[in-house]
């Protein structure tokens, strides 16, 4: 089952808060916040994905 995320709306799942947004070029960005840190997922060139994390492991 797929759920379409609305822009700039927070969704909660367990200890995660998920928000879908866009950058200045209207590229989709997913922001995930947890008790452990934050993760940002965004598209890159050549069908690749950039993942930035503040989680220390």
C-alpha atoms as a PDB file:
ATOM      1  CA  UNK A   1       0.000   0.000   0.000  1.00  0.00           C
ATOM      2  CA  UNK A   2       1.452   3.365  -1.015  1.00  0.00           C
ATOM      3  CA  UNK A   3       0.715   6.604   0.812  1.00  0.00           C
ATOM      4  CA  UNK A   4       1.159   9.936  -0.926  1.00  0.00           C
ATOM      5  CA  UNK A   5       2.904  12.354   1.425  1.00  0.00           C
ATOM      6  CA  UNK A   6       1.713  15.938   1.523  1.00  0.00           C
ATOM      7  CA  UNK A   7       4.352  18.654   1.435  1.00  0.00           C
ATOM      8  CA  UNK A   8       5.445  20.130   4.787  1.00  0.00           C
ATOM      9  CA  UNK A   9       3.163  17.831   6.829  1.00  0.00           C
ATOM     10  CA  UNK A  10       4.675  15.768   9.659  1.00  0.00           C
ATOM     11  CA  UNK A  11       3.865  12.059   9.868  1.00  0.00           C
ATOM     12  CA  UNK A  12       4.748  10.070  12.985  1.00  0.00           C
ATOM     13  CA  UNK A  13       5.700   6.399  13.156  1.00  0.00           C
ATOM     14  CA  UNK A  14       7.108   5.065  16.415  1.00  0.00           C
ATOM     15  CA  UNK A  15       9.795   7.538  17.500  1.00  0.00           C
ATOM     16  CA  UNK A  16      10.159   8.887  13.937  1.00  0.00           C
ATOM     17  CA  UNK A  17       8.783  12.121  12.524  1.00  0.00           C
ATOM     18  CA  UNK A  18       8.752  12.170   8.707  1.00  0.00           C
ATOM     19  CA  UNK A  19       8.289  15.280   6.567  1.00  0.00           C
ATOM     20  CA  UNK A  20       8.226  15.571   2.771  1.00  0.00           C
ATOM     21  CA  UNK A  21       9.357  18.874   1.319  1.00  0.00           C
ATOM     22  CA  UNK A  22      11.095  20.301  -1.766  1.00  0.00           C
ATOM     23  CA  UNK A  23      14.248  22.313  -2.400  1.00  0.00           C
ATOM     24  CA  UNK A  24      14.505  25.542  -4.420  1.00  0.00           C
ATOM     25  CA  UNK A  25      14.397  23.541  -7.694  1.00  0.00           C
ATOM     26  CA  UNK A  26      11.294  21.613  -6.509  1.00  0.00           C
ATOM     27  CA  UNK A  27      13.248  18.361  -6.055  1.00  0.00           C
ATOM     28  CA  UNK A  28      11.665  16.106  -3.416  1.00  0.00           C
ATOM     29  CA  UNK A  29      13.321  15.833   0.003  1.00  0.00           C
ATOM     30  CA  UNK A  30      12.388  13.471   2.833  1.00  0.00           C
ATOM     31  CA  UNK A  31      13.388  14.531   6.357  1.00  0.00           C
ATOM     32  CA  UNK A  32      13.305  11.893   9.115  1.00  0.00           C
ATOM     33  CA  UNK A  33      13.797  12.904  12.756  1.00  0.00           C
ATOM     34  CA  UNK A  34      14.272  10.365  15.553  1.00  0.00           C
ATOM     35  CA  UNK A  35      15.408  10.393  19.165  1.00  0.00           C
ATOM     36  CA  UNK A  36      18.871   9.376  17.869  1.00  0.00           C
ATOM     37  CA  UNK A  37      19.291  12.077  15.194  1.00  0.00           C
ATOM     38  CA  UNK A  38      18.136  13.270  11.786  1.00  0.00           C
ATOM     39  CA  UNK A  39      18.312  11.861   8.257  1.00  0.00           C
ATOM     40  CA  UNK A  40      17.737  13.771   5.016  1.00  0.00           C
ATOM     41  CA  UNK A  41      17.160  11.907   1.738  1.00  0.00           C
ATOM     42  CA  UNK A  42      17.296  13.786  -1.572  1.00  0.00           C
ATOM     43  CA  UNK A  43      17.826  12.988  -5.266  1.00  0.00           C
ATOM     44  CA  UNK A  44      21.125  13.470  -7.062  1.00  0.00           C
ATOM     45  CA  UNK A  45      22.235  13.271 -10.672  1.00  0.00           C
ATOM     46  CA  UNK A  46      22.411   9.955 -12.555  1.00  0.00           C
ATOM     47  CA  UNK A  47      19.465   8.445 -10.626  1.00  0.00           C
ATOM     48  CA  UNK A  48      21.427   8.388  -7.358  1.00  0.00           C
ATOM     49  CA  UNK A  49      20.243   9.376  -3.895  1.00  0.00           C
ATOM     50  CA  UNK A  50      22.045  11.519  -1.298  1.00  0.00           C
ATOM     51  CA  UNK A  51      21.562  10.553   2.360  1.00  0.00           C
ATOM     52  CA  UNK A  52      22.792  12.923   5.087  1.00  0.00           C
ATOM     53  CA  UNK A  53      22.689  11.809   8.702  1.00  0.00           C
ATOM     54  CA  UNK A  54      23.415  13.289  12.127  1.00  0.00           C
ATOM     55  CA  UNK A  55      23.209   9.845  13.756  1.00  0.00           C
ATOM     56  CA  UNK A  56      26.512   8.842  15.371  1.00  0.00           C
ATOM     57  CA  UNK A  57      27.253   5.126  15.251  1.00  0.00           C
END
